Protein backbone atom coordinates (compact mmCIF):
# COMPACT_ATOMS: atom_id res chain seq x y z
CA MET A 1 73.60 59.45 -22.14
CA ARG A 2 73.90 56.16 -23.80
CA TRP A 3 77.68 55.59 -24.34
CA LYS A 4 77.70 53.34 -27.43
CA LEU A 5 81.31 51.66 -28.44
CA LYS A 6 81.63 51.16 -32.48
CA PRO A 7 82.60 47.44 -33.06
CA ILE A 8 86.23 46.75 -33.50
CA PRO A 9 87.35 45.46 -37.05
CA ASP A 10 88.46 42.45 -37.71
CA ASP A 11 92.34 41.73 -36.12
CA ASP A 12 93.73 40.65 -39.20
CA LYS A 13 92.24 44.02 -41.40
CA ILE A 14 93.70 45.88 -38.49
CA LYS A 15 96.97 44.45 -38.78
CA THR A 16 97.69 44.77 -42.49
CA LEU A 17 96.37 48.36 -42.80
CA SER A 18 98.83 49.56 -39.85
CA GLN A 19 101.61 47.75 -41.88
CA GLU A 20 100.38 48.94 -45.42
CA LEU A 21 99.93 52.87 -44.14
CA GLY A 22 102.84 52.61 -41.61
CA VAL A 23 100.25 53.98 -38.96
CA ASP A 24 99.37 52.58 -35.19
CA LYS A 25 96.51 50.02 -34.79
CA THR A 26 94.05 52.97 -33.34
CA ILE A 27 94.36 55.12 -36.37
CA ALA A 28 94.07 52.19 -38.36
CA ILE A 29 91.01 50.69 -36.51
CA LEU A 30 89.33 54.71 -36.85
CA LEU A 31 90.03 54.09 -40.72
CA LEU A 32 88.49 50.41 -40.58
CA GLN A 33 85.46 52.11 -39.26
CA ARG A 34 85.22 54.39 -41.95
CA GLY A 35 84.84 52.01 -44.57
CA ILE A 36 88.80 52.67 -45.76
CA GLU A 37 90.32 48.80 -45.61
CA THR A 38 93.18 49.49 -48.34
CA TYR A 39 96.52 51.86 -49.23
CA GLU A 40 94.21 53.10 -52.49
CA ALA A 41 90.98 54.02 -50.38
CA ALA A 42 93.25 55.61 -47.93
CA LYS A 43 95.00 57.97 -49.89
CA LYS A 44 92.01 58.87 -52.04
CA PHE A 45 90.58 59.67 -47.99
CA PHE A 46 93.73 61.76 -47.06
CA ARG A 47 94.21 63.07 -49.92
CA PRO A 48 90.92 64.19 -51.69
CA SER A 49 91.33 64.61 -55.45
CA LEU A 50 89.12 66.77 -57.74
CA ASP A 51 89.76 64.14 -60.39
CA ASP A 52 87.98 61.79 -58.50
CA LEU A 53 84.53 63.91 -59.20
CA HIS A 54 81.80 61.49 -61.34
CA ASP A 55 81.06 62.74 -65.02
CA PRO A 56 78.27 64.87 -64.56
CA PHE A 57 76.64 63.52 -67.55
CA LEU A 58 76.11 60.03 -65.66
CA MET A 59 73.13 62.00 -64.08
CA THR A 60 69.62 61.55 -65.73
CA ASP A 61 68.47 63.86 -67.72
CA MET A 62 71.95 66.02 -67.28
CA ASP A 63 72.44 65.99 -71.38
CA LYS A 64 68.44 67.67 -71.77
CA ALA A 65 69.06 70.42 -69.01
CA VAL A 66 72.92 71.44 -70.77
CA SER A 67 70.56 71.36 -74.01
CA ARG A 68 67.71 73.73 -72.86
CA ILE A 69 70.17 76.37 -71.28
CA GLU A 70 72.17 76.17 -74.70
CA LYS A 71 68.85 76.65 -76.50
CA ALA A 72 68.04 79.73 -74.37
CA ILE A 73 71.16 81.81 -74.53
CA GLU A 74 71.31 80.88 -78.75
CA ASN A 75 67.38 82.07 -78.62
CA LYS A 76 68.78 85.17 -76.23
CA GLU A 77 65.75 83.88 -73.69
CA ASN A 78 65.53 85.39 -69.90
CA ILE A 79 66.27 82.89 -67.44
CA LEU A 80 64.96 82.79 -63.86
CA VAL A 81 67.31 80.81 -61.48
CA PHE A 82 64.93 80.03 -58.57
CA GLY A 83 65.87 78.81 -54.96
CA ASP A 84 64.55 78.01 -51.54
CA TYR A 85 65.36 81.05 -48.76
CA ASP A 86 67.58 78.55 -46.42
CA VAL A 87 71.68 77.89 -46.74
CA ASP A 88 71.80 75.19 -49.19
CA GLY A 89 69.13 77.48 -51.86
CA THR A 90 70.63 80.41 -51.76
CA THR A 91 74.22 79.57 -52.28
CA ALA A 92 72.58 77.21 -55.31
CA VAL A 93 71.05 80.27 -56.72
CA SER A 94 74.19 82.39 -56.07
CA LEU A 95 76.21 79.57 -57.55
CA MET A 96 74.27 79.00 -61.15
CA SER A 97 73.33 82.17 -61.32
CA SER A 98 76.80 84.14 -61.18
CA TYR A 99 78.34 81.43 -62.91
CA LEU A 100 75.49 81.40 -65.99
CA LYS A 101 76.01 85.68 -66.00
CA THR A 102 79.79 84.78 -66.94
CA ILE A 103 78.54 83.37 -70.19
CA TYR A 104 75.15 85.01 -70.81
CA PRO A 105 73.47 88.49 -69.60
CA ASN A 106 69.61 87.42 -69.31
CA VAL A 107 69.60 85.69 -66.23
CA ALA A 108 67.52 87.20 -63.04
CA THR A 109 67.39 85.30 -59.40
CA TYR A 110 63.89 84.89 -57.19
CA ILE A 111 64.12 83.72 -53.97
CA PRO A 112 60.42 83.02 -52.38
CA ASP A 113 59.31 85.00 -49.73
CA ARG A 114 59.03 82.39 -46.27
CA TYR A 115 55.78 84.08 -45.27
CA ASP A 116 54.08 85.00 -47.98
CA GLU A 117 55.01 82.29 -50.39
CA GLY A 118 56.69 79.34 -48.11
CA TYR A 119 58.63 76.46 -49.31
CA GLY A 120 59.50 75.50 -52.53
CA ILE A 121 58.45 76.71 -56.23
CA SER A 122 55.52 79.33 -56.13
CA TYR A 123 52.52 80.36 -58.48
CA GLN A 124 53.97 84.20 -57.66
CA GLY A 125 57.31 82.98 -58.61
CA ILE A 126 56.19 81.45 -61.63
CA ASP A 127 53.74 85.04 -62.33
CA PHE A 128 56.98 86.78 -61.82
CA ALA A 129 58.66 85.01 -64.43
CA ASP A 130 55.53 85.04 -66.84
CA ASP A 131 55.61 89.19 -65.93
CA ASN A 132 59.05 89.61 -66.70
CA GLY A 133 59.16 87.52 -70.32
CA MET A 134 60.97 84.10 -68.83
CA SER A 135 60.90 81.46 -70.32
CA LEU A 136 62.98 78.96 -68.88
CA ILE A 137 63.35 78.45 -64.59
CA ILE A 138 65.95 76.47 -63.07
CA ALA A 139 64.87 75.35 -59.77
CA LEU A 140 67.34 74.51 -57.20
CA ASP A 141 67.05 72.60 -53.70
CA CYS A 142 63.39 72.38 -54.41
CA GLY A 143 60.78 70.93 -57.17
CA ILE A 144 60.77 67.45 -57.03
CA LYS A 145 57.02 67.56 -55.45
CA ALA A 146 55.94 70.78 -57.90
CA ILE A 147 54.00 68.92 -60.24
CA GLU A 148 50.72 71.26 -60.36
CA LYS A 149 53.21 74.34 -59.97
CA VAL A 150 55.00 72.99 -63.28
CA ALA A 151 52.17 72.30 -65.30
CA TYR A 152 50.59 75.66 -64.53
CA ALA A 153 53.70 77.51 -65.47
CA LYS A 154 53.64 74.78 -68.58
CA GLU A 155 50.59 76.29 -69.73
CA LYS A 156 52.10 80.07 -69.68
CA GLY A 157 54.80 78.54 -71.83
CA ILE A 158 57.92 78.67 -69.30
CA ASP A 159 59.72 75.58 -68.94
CA PHE A 160 61.51 74.24 -66.32
CA ILE A 161 64.37 72.43 -64.90
CA ILE A 162 64.42 71.26 -61.28
CA CYS A 163 67.84 70.63 -59.48
CA ASP A 164 66.96 68.46 -56.18
CA HIS A 165 68.15 66.25 -53.67
CA HIS A 166 64.80 65.20 -51.91
CA ARG A 167 62.87 62.15 -52.06
CA PRO A 168 60.66 62.03 -55.06
CA GLY A 169 57.06 61.46 -54.31
CA ASN A 170 55.42 58.77 -57.07
CA ALA A 171 55.24 60.90 -59.79
CA LEU A 172 57.48 63.04 -61.21
CA PRO A 173 57.01 67.26 -62.43
CA GLU A 174 56.59 67.50 -66.27
CA ALA A 175 59.89 69.39 -66.59
CA VAL A 176 62.35 69.47 -69.34
CA ALA A 177 65.15 67.81 -66.93
CA ILE A 178 64.74 66.54 -63.54
CA LEU A 179 68.25 66.02 -61.93
CA ASP A 180 67.74 63.94 -58.88
CA PRO A 181 70.12 61.28 -57.76
CA LYS A 182 67.85 60.16 -55.44
CA ARG A 183 65.25 59.12 -58.56
CA ASP A 184 64.52 55.84 -58.79
CA ASP A 185 65.75 55.83 -62.60
CA CYS A 186 69.34 57.64 -61.96
CA ASN A 187 72.51 56.01 -61.75
CA TYR A 188 74.68 58.35 -60.69
CA PRO A 189 77.21 56.69 -58.35
CA TYR A 190 76.38 59.21 -55.42
CA ASP A 191 73.40 60.26 -54.27
CA GLU A 192 73.95 62.66 -51.04
CA LEU A 193 74.75 65.58 -53.01
CA CYS A 194 72.80 68.54 -51.58
CA GLY A 195 71.16 71.14 -53.68
CA CYS A 196 74.04 73.33 -54.46
CA GLY A 197 75.89 70.25 -55.16
CA ILE A 198 73.60 69.29 -58.09
CA GLY A 199 73.59 72.97 -58.98
CA PHE A 200 77.34 72.80 -59.36
CA LYS A 201 77.31 69.71 -61.37
CA LEU A 202 74.85 70.94 -64.01
CA THR A 203 77.48 73.92 -63.79
CA GLN A 204 80.24 71.73 -64.24
CA ALA A 205 78.60 69.74 -67.24
CA LEU A 206 77.51 73.31 -69.07
CA ALA A 207 81.50 74.28 -68.60
CA THR A 208 82.66 71.25 -69.86
CA LYS A 209 81.08 71.34 -72.64
CA ARG A 210 82.51 75.11 -73.60
CA GLY A 211 85.79 73.07 -73.05
CA LYS A 212 86.46 74.19 -69.40
CA THR A 213 88.01 72.31 -66.49
CA ILE A 214 87.07 71.39 -63.09
CA GLN A 215 90.07 74.45 -62.49
CA ASP A 216 87.79 77.01 -64.03
CA LEU A 217 85.03 76.56 -61.44
CA LEU A 218 87.11 75.97 -58.00
CA PRO A 219 85.97 79.81 -57.40
CA TYR A 220 82.46 78.20 -56.67
CA LEU A 221 83.66 75.78 -54.50
CA ASP A 222 83.19 77.95 -51.32
CA LEU A 223 79.39 77.62 -52.30
CA VAL A 224 79.25 74.05 -52.40
CA ALA A 225 80.93 73.48 -49.06
CA THR A 226 78.70 76.16 -47.27
CA ALA A 227 75.91 74.33 -48.12
CA ILE A 228 77.08 70.87 -47.91
CA ALA A 229 78.06 72.03 -43.92
CA ALA A 230 74.59 73.71 -43.17
CA ASP A 231 72.30 70.94 -44.78
CA ILE A 232 74.19 67.89 -43.01
CA VAL A 233 74.37 66.14 -45.63
CA PRO A 234 77.31 63.06 -45.32
CA ILE A 235 81.17 64.36 -46.04
CA THR A 236 81.71 61.38 -47.95
CA GLY A 237 82.82 60.36 -51.29
CA GLU A 238 81.86 62.98 -53.78
CA ASN A 239 80.93 65.26 -50.54
CA ARG A 240 84.33 65.09 -49.18
CA ILE A 241 86.05 65.73 -52.08
CA LEU A 242 84.31 69.24 -52.51
CA ALA A 243 84.16 70.24 -49.15
CA TYR A 244 88.37 69.84 -48.68
CA TYR A 245 88.59 72.14 -51.72
CA GLY A 246 85.78 74.50 -51.02
CA LEU A 247 87.13 74.81 -47.34
CA LYS A 248 90.37 75.48 -48.74
CA GLU A 249 88.80 78.36 -51.13
CA ILE A 250 87.24 79.96 -48.17
CA ASN A 251 90.61 80.32 -46.14
CA GLU A 252 92.82 80.82 -49.47
CA GLN A 253 90.17 83.44 -51.30
CA PRO A 254 86.68 83.35 -50.83
CA ARG A 255 84.22 85.22 -52.42
CA PRO A 256 83.50 88.71 -51.19
CA GLY A 257 80.54 87.71 -49.40
CA ILE A 258 81.77 84.79 -46.93
CA ALA A 259 85.20 86.96 -46.88
CA ALA A 260 83.31 89.48 -45.05
CA ILE A 261 81.13 87.51 -42.90
CA ALA A 262 84.82 86.24 -41.33
CA HIS A 263 85.85 89.76 -41.49
CA GLN A 264 83.65 90.14 -38.93
CA ILE A 265 84.45 87.22 -36.84
CA LYS A 266 87.96 88.18 -37.09
CA LYS A 267 88.76 84.29 -37.12
CA GLU A 268 91.75 82.96 -39.79
CA GLU A 269 91.10 79.76 -40.60
CA LEU A 270 87.40 78.25 -40.68
CA THR A 271 86.94 74.90 -40.81
CA VAL A 272 83.51 72.85 -41.21
CA THR A 273 82.24 73.47 -37.81
CA ASP A 274 82.82 77.27 -38.39
CA VAL A 275 81.05 76.91 -41.54
CA VAL A 276 78.00 75.19 -39.48
CA PHE A 277 78.01 77.30 -36.50
CA ILE A 278 79.21 80.79 -37.86
CA ILE A 279 78.80 81.05 -41.84
CA ALA A 280 75.78 79.37 -42.26
CA PRO A 281 73.20 80.49 -39.42
CA ARG A 282 74.29 84.46 -40.62
CA ILE A 283 73.23 83.02 -44.18
CA ASN A 284 70.09 81.57 -43.12
CA ALA A 285 69.29 84.67 -40.98
CA ALA A 286 68.70 86.78 -43.85
CA GLY A 287 65.36 84.24 -45.26
CA ARG A 288 64.33 83.82 -41.60
CA MET A 289 64.08 87.81 -40.36
CA LYS A 290 63.52 89.10 -43.62
CA HIS A 291 64.38 88.17 -47.01
CA GLY A 292 66.23 85.45 -48.51
CA GLN A 293 67.46 87.44 -51.49
CA HIS A 294 69.40 89.05 -48.96
CA ALA A 295 71.79 86.42 -48.95
CA VAL A 296 72.20 85.79 -52.59
CA ASP A 297 73.29 89.71 -52.81
CA LEU A 298 75.51 89.26 -50.10
CA LEU A 299 77.00 85.83 -51.75
CA THR A 300 77.04 87.15 -55.28
CA GLU A 301 78.47 90.83 -54.73
CA THR A 302 81.75 91.47 -56.19
CA ASN A 303 83.12 94.22 -54.48
CA PHE A 304 84.49 93.41 -50.96
CA ASP A 305 83.62 97.24 -48.90
CA THR A 306 79.90 96.29 -50.64
CA ALA A 307 79.55 93.09 -49.41
CA VAL A 308 80.70 94.26 -45.36
CA GLN A 309 77.80 96.58 -45.55
CA PHE A 310 75.60 93.53 -46.74
CA ALA A 311 77.60 91.63 -44.32
CA GLU A 312 76.80 94.02 -41.27
CA ALA A 313 73.06 94.34 -42.10
CA ILE A 314 72.73 90.45 -42.04
CA GLU A 315 75.07 90.39 -38.65
CA GLN A 316 71.61 92.19 -37.09
CA TYR A 317 69.24 89.92 -38.94
CA ASN A 318 71.42 87.24 -37.35
CA GLN A 319 70.72 88.92 -33.99
CA ASP A 320 67.41 89.74 -33.86
CA ARG A 321 67.43 85.68 -34.73
CA LYS A 322 68.96 85.20 -31.49
CA ASP A 323 66.78 86.93 -29.39
CA LEU A 324 63.98 85.57 -30.82
CA ASP A 325 65.10 81.51 -30.41
CA GLU A 326 65.95 82.36 -27.09
CA GLN A 327 62.40 83.33 -25.81
CA ILE A 328 60.25 81.40 -28.20
CA THR A 329 62.44 78.34 -26.42
CA LYS A 330 61.81 79.51 -23.11
CA GLU A 331 57.86 80.18 -24.16
CA ALA A 332 58.02 76.18 -25.54
CA LEU A 333 59.86 74.50 -22.81
CA LEU A 334 57.23 76.03 -20.72
CA GLN A 335 54.55 74.36 -22.90
CA ILE A 336 55.99 70.83 -22.58
CA GLU A 337 56.45 71.45 -18.76
CA GLU A 338 52.74 72.46 -18.17
CA ASN A 339 51.62 69.65 -20.43
CA LYS A 340 53.68 66.71 -20.12
CA GLU A 341 50.81 64.28 -20.28
CA GLN A 342 50.76 64.80 -23.68
CA HIS A 343 54.41 64.43 -23.84
CA GLY A 344 54.64 60.46 -24.37
CA CYS A 345 57.17 59.83 -26.95
CA THR A 346 56.98 63.48 -28.81
CA SER A 347 57.52 67.01 -28.30
CA VAL A 348 54.70 68.74 -30.06
CA VAL A 349 54.03 72.71 -29.11
CA TYR A 350 52.12 75.31 -30.68
CA SER A 351 51.57 79.53 -30.57
CA GLU A 352 50.17 81.52 -33.30
CA HIS A 353 52.90 84.28 -32.20
CA TRP A 354 55.93 82.28 -32.33
CA HIS A 355 58.12 83.62 -35.80
CA LYS A 356 57.94 81.31 -38.29
CA GLY A 357 61.71 81.89 -39.17
CA VAL A 358 63.23 80.17 -36.01
CA ILE A 359 60.88 77.74 -35.13
CA GLY A 360 63.14 75.08 -36.70
CA ILE A 361 66.01 76.74 -34.41
CA VAL A 362 64.08 76.12 -31.85
CA ALA A 363 63.06 72.45 -32.51
CA SER A 364 66.74 71.60 -32.38
CA ARG A 365 66.84 73.15 -28.70
CA LEU A 366 63.89 71.47 -27.22
CA ILE A 367 65.54 68.18 -28.09
CA GLU A 368 68.35 69.60 -26.09
CA THR A 369 66.43 69.24 -23.02
CA HIS A 370 63.76 66.74 -23.86
CA TYR A 371 64.98 64.61 -26.10
CA ARG A 372 62.43 63.66 -28.73
CA PRO A 373 60.81 63.75 -32.19
CA THR A 374 59.51 67.12 -32.49
CA LEU A 375 57.47 70.00 -33.81
CA VAL A 376 56.81 73.76 -33.44
CA PHE A 377 53.87 74.82 -34.66
CA THR A 378 52.83 78.53 -35.62
CA LYS A 379 50.08 80.31 -37.66
CA SER A 380 51.12 81.03 -41.17
CA GLY A 381 48.36 82.69 -42.93
CA GLU A 382 45.28 80.53 -42.99
CA LYS A 383 47.16 77.89 -41.90
CA LEU A 384 49.54 76.43 -39.36
CA ALA A 385 52.99 75.30 -40.21
CA ALA A 386 56.13 73.66 -38.45
CA SER A 387 59.23 72.39 -38.26
CA ALA A 388 59.74 68.91 -37.05
CA ARG A 389 62.97 67.97 -36.11
CA SER A 390 64.23 64.32 -34.62
CA VAL A 391 66.43 62.02 -32.60
CA LYS A 392 69.45 60.26 -33.92
CA GLY A 393 68.21 56.56 -35.32
CA PHE A 394 64.36 57.75 -35.98
CA ASP A 395 62.71 58.83 -39.47
CA VAL A 396 60.91 61.65 -38.60
CA TYR A 397 59.82 62.20 -42.59
CA GLU A 398 58.11 59.16 -42.12
CA ALA A 399 56.72 59.71 -39.60
CA ILE A 400 55.30 62.74 -40.78
CA GLU A 401 54.10 60.57 -44.09
CA ALA A 402 51.79 58.14 -41.84
CA CYS A 403 49.90 61.19 -40.89
CA SER A 404 49.56 62.48 -44.39
CA GLY A 405 45.79 62.22 -44.14
CA TYR A 406 45.74 65.03 -41.50
CA LEU A 407 48.48 67.36 -43.70
CA GLU A 408 48.22 70.22 -46.39
CA GLN A 409 51.93 69.76 -47.64
CA PHE A 410 54.91 68.34 -46.43
CA GLY A 411 58.78 67.74 -47.14
CA GLY A 412 62.39 66.98 -46.05
CA HIS A 413 64.59 64.62 -45.04
CA LYS A 414 64.80 61.47 -42.10
CA TYR A 415 66.03 64.07 -39.41
CA ALA A 416 64.69 67.42 -40.20
CA ALA A 417 61.29 68.73 -42.50
CA GLY A 418 58.60 71.06 -42.61
CA LEU A 419 54.89 71.07 -42.98
CA THR A 420 51.11 72.86 -43.34
CA LEU A 421 48.21 71.82 -41.92
CA LYS A 422 44.41 73.25 -41.65
CA GLU A 423 44.12 74.73 -37.51
CA GLU A 424 41.01 72.74 -36.98
CA GLN A 425 42.94 69.52 -38.08
CA TYR A 426 46.17 70.46 -35.41
CA ASN A 427 44.76 68.42 -32.37
CA ALA A 428 44.07 65.10 -34.28
CA PHE A 429 47.33 65.59 -36.29
CA LYS A 430 48.82 66.05 -32.65
CA GLU A 431 47.56 62.70 -31.43
CA ARG A 432 48.47 60.24 -35.01
CA PHE A 433 51.65 61.54 -34.74
CA GLU A 434 52.63 60.52 -30.92
CA GLU A 435 50.67 57.18 -31.59
CA VAL A 436 52.83 56.90 -35.17
CA VAL A 437 56.05 57.62 -32.78
CA SER A 438 55.46 55.93 -29.96
CA THR A 439 54.20 52.70 -31.68
CA SER A 440 57.24 52.78 -33.82
CA ILE A 441 60.34 54.36 -31.75
CA ASP A 442 62.64 51.77 -30.19
CA LYS A 443 62.53 53.20 -26.79
CA GLU A 444 66.22 52.87 -26.44
CA LEU A 445 66.57 56.11 -28.89
CA LEU A 446 64.64 58.46 -26.56
CA THR A 447 67.81 58.37 -24.36
CA PRO A 448 71.04 60.35 -26.15
CA GLU A 449 73.73 58.39 -27.43
CA ILE A 450 77.39 59.24 -27.49
CA SER A 451 79.09 56.72 -30.35
CA ILE A 452 81.99 55.89 -29.34
CA ASP A 453 85.04 55.00 -31.88
CA ILE A 454 87.29 53.18 -29.96
CA GLU A 455 88.70 53.13 -26.39
CA ILE A 456 92.36 54.48 -25.77
CA GLU A 457 94.76 55.06 -23.36
CA LEU A 458 95.91 58.64 -22.65
CA LYS A 459 99.49 57.84 -23.30
CA GLU A 460 98.29 57.63 -26.93
CA ILE A 461 97.49 61.51 -27.31
CA THR A 462 100.92 62.60 -28.86
CA PRO A 463 101.43 65.48 -31.26
CA LYS A 464 101.86 63.08 -34.21
CA PHE A 465 98.63 61.08 -33.38
CA TYR A 466 96.80 64.62 -33.57
CA ARG A 467 98.30 65.46 -36.49
CA ILE A 468 97.05 62.48 -38.38
CA LEU A 469 93.53 62.91 -37.07
CA LYS A 470 93.53 66.76 -38.39
CA GLN A 471 93.92 64.71 -41.29
CA PHE A 472 90.33 62.91 -41.40
CA ALA A 473 89.00 66.32 -41.36
CA PRO A 474 86.39 67.87 -42.86
CA PHE A 475 84.28 65.72 -40.54
CA GLY A 476 80.40 65.73 -41.04
CA PRO A 477 77.89 62.92 -41.10
CA GLY A 478 79.37 59.68 -42.29
CA ASN A 479 82.79 60.90 -40.53
CA MET A 480 82.47 62.63 -37.90
CA THR A 481 85.57 63.75 -35.55
CA PRO A 482 86.67 60.65 -33.88
CA VAL A 483 84.87 60.01 -29.87
CA PHE A 484 87.39 57.98 -27.35
CA MET A 485 87.06 56.65 -24.00
CA THR A 486 89.53 55.98 -21.67
CA ARG A 487 88.84 54.23 -18.13
CA ASN A 488 90.82 54.97 -14.65
CA LEU A 489 91.04 58.69 -15.09
CA ARG A 490 91.83 60.89 -11.86
CA ASP A 491 91.64 64.77 -11.54
CA THR A 492 94.83 65.90 -10.68
CA GLY A 493 92.99 68.12 -7.77
CA TYR A 494 92.59 71.24 -9.58
CA GLY A 495 89.16 70.20 -11.05
CA LYS A 496 86.64 73.14 -11.12
CA VAL A 497 83.50 74.48 -12.60
CA VAL A 498 83.96 77.60 -14.95
CA GLY A 499 81.63 79.92 -16.83
CA GLY A 500 78.30 81.50 -15.64
CA TYR A 501 76.96 79.75 -13.33
CA GLY A 502 79.47 77.23 -12.95
CA LYS A 503 77.98 75.65 -16.48
CA HIS A 504 81.64 74.40 -17.60
CA LEU A 505 83.72 71.79 -16.01
CA LYS A 506 87.43 72.31 -15.99
CA ILE A 507 89.95 69.53 -15.44
CA LYS A 508 93.63 68.27 -15.74
CA VAL A 509 93.56 64.14 -15.82
CA PHE A 510 95.75 61.48 -15.60
CA GLN A 511 95.55 57.49 -16.10
CA ASN A 512 96.30 54.96 -13.42
CA MET A 513 100.18 54.18 -14.73
CA PRO A 514 103.52 53.50 -13.73
CA LYS A 515 104.74 56.73 -11.63
CA ARG A 516 108.00 58.32 -12.46
CA SER A 517 110.73 58.33 -9.97
CA ASP A 518 109.60 61.58 -8.49
CA GLY A 519 105.77 59.95 -7.94
CA ARG A 520 104.17 62.33 -9.87
CA ALA A 521 101.69 60.83 -12.93
CA GLN A 522 103.67 59.83 -15.94
CA TYR A 523 101.52 62.13 -18.48
CA SER A 524 98.87 64.04 -17.57
CA ILE A 525 96.11 66.37 -20.12
CA ASP A 526 93.71 69.41 -19.66
CA GLY A 527 89.75 68.55 -20.42
CA ILE A 528 86.94 71.10 -20.82
CA GLY A 529 83.93 69.85 -20.75
CA PHE A 530 81.22 72.41 -21.90
CA ASN A 531 77.69 72.07 -19.74
CA LEU A 532 79.20 69.43 -17.37
CA GLY A 533 79.62 71.74 -14.31
CA GLU A 534 76.73 69.58 -11.77
CA LYS A 535 79.98 66.57 -12.73
CA LEU A 536 82.16 67.70 -10.59
CA THR A 537 82.06 65.79 -7.69
CA LEU A 538 82.20 62.98 -10.03
CA VAL A 539 86.04 64.10 -10.33
CA GLN A 540 86.99 65.55 -6.29
CA ASN A 541 88.64 64.21 -4.10
CA LYS A 542 90.76 61.66 -6.90
CA LYS A 543 88.36 59.41 -7.67
CA GLU A 544 88.48 57.38 -10.54
CA PHE A 545 85.75 57.93 -13.16
CA SER A 546 85.67 57.20 -17.22
CA ALA A 547 85.37 60.32 -20.00
CA VAL A 548 84.09 60.54 -23.24
CA TYR A 549 86.11 63.11 -24.74
CA SER A 550 87.58 64.26 -28.67
CA ILE A 551 90.45 65.63 -29.04
CA ASP A 552 91.35 69.56 -29.43
CA GLU A 553 93.78 72.17 -29.55
CA ASN A 554 93.89 74.94 -26.99
CA GLU A 555 95.84 78.29 -27.61
CA TRP A 556 96.53 80.33 -24.40
CA ASN A 557 98.73 83.20 -24.19
CA GLY A 558 100.33 81.71 -27.43
CA LYS A 559 100.89 78.45 -26.57
CA VAL A 560 99.26 75.81 -28.02
CA ASP A 561 98.48 72.45 -26.18
CA LEU A 562 96.55 69.53 -26.72
CA GLN A 563 93.22 69.08 -24.78
CA LEU A 564 89.93 66.66 -24.17
CA LYS A 565 86.84 68.58 -25.61
CA VAL A 566 84.97 66.09 -23.09
CA LYS A 567 80.88 64.93 -23.74
CA ASP A 568 80.74 62.78 -20.73
CA LEU A 569 82.00 61.39 -17.52
CA ARG A 570 80.63 58.82 -15.63
CA GLU A 571 81.65 56.82 -12.35
């Protein structure tokens, strides 16, 4: 691990903000590092307000999109709400369809089959719309590059409204309206919304035209928060407001589908982390293992008992997904070991038998062991399909784009992408991808980095300090959980390994500080280091060490104490 301390802001700024807010310097530094420099900015950060959401009509084509939907309602047209099969897509479809159905009955949903149709707008989906007399398709979380498919729909007399957040290509499809803040000609103030977030802005625009306020739309924010968490978009600006109020909905009055998942896991209060690791994988499992429509059925169900039945089925898909992902990860790791000479700055693996629904998860798992930009391929019909994942600081989408001559199709983001190619192009692509990455990546990026906010002393960790830290939530990209470093630590002598095979490290530490009259350390605190069991020798025999950690609470026997969640240790 590379430990990288963030720069400390200007002394005068620290002093000013600290005095204005009545907080200690450490809190002021954490805020300044997040771009919060004034009392007003801090107020907006700690007290997100729905009043600060932007006017949806600032988005290019929003007026066109609203007019076309209103026209469809007026003319009693059939509307198809189409979306991708992942969490962002299925939540977006659930949100848009359930809102539209409150004002108009002729609305159907369509999620493409991951295996038969692949990612994005499909010809089968357009044919389905045509066969069922639908003249308007609202596409969510996809469509920004679907030039030929939108043209095909136009020939059939079907209009498209596209709500996407992916980067556009050189040309845009001929849709009635394209809502995408990443368009060059869009001056919307915030361009990091996810697909569901853009669907929400369209819903907000429609509702505004009907004299409704943001308060009327609160019940949809549980879906938006789930998509924001799952799609790993920055939790800054508008996303922070939507995630903050969406989490409140999830915890206070979630829709039956989300309540059914929470009911299964028996957790009282869910954080963004819980949404990422508990809610999202279950919603995703439907599209990975069976069909994304099952997720939409769950998220739009209004009866809790029925939702519980749907959630039980999805729980089984999730268990199947876990088993497969574990098995394929083992096989992929073996393949990397056997072909070490081929894996310089990248990991590229392939088996025609691997399940297409889990290759993205497997790519992430491989990076945990071999920290490299990673591609996992499998057979998909006549072609090969791959999921790509990247390491911090490296744009894998750009690297894939540089290899586009070998590809049939590709799309995605800086850290996650997907592609398809003909089988005969696999080896040439693999070599070219290695060449592109090895000549463009800073070799330092091939060692995992821990970004540390600030170095503190152990005595600064008080209940009051932690109470303020909790108010920094919701956490995510752009506002990660604060990470601290402390030097000159010693274990009290009770350090040990816990968990199967001594996987985790349990410690109780104190810092070299003045001792009390009875000779004991002034202050000690528990710590847990997941997957750090092999570092036990670093803390034995009262050796001094440094630690990088975040702070959280540990509940044991009804007692809640602060603890260090240790990320790494060194002498």
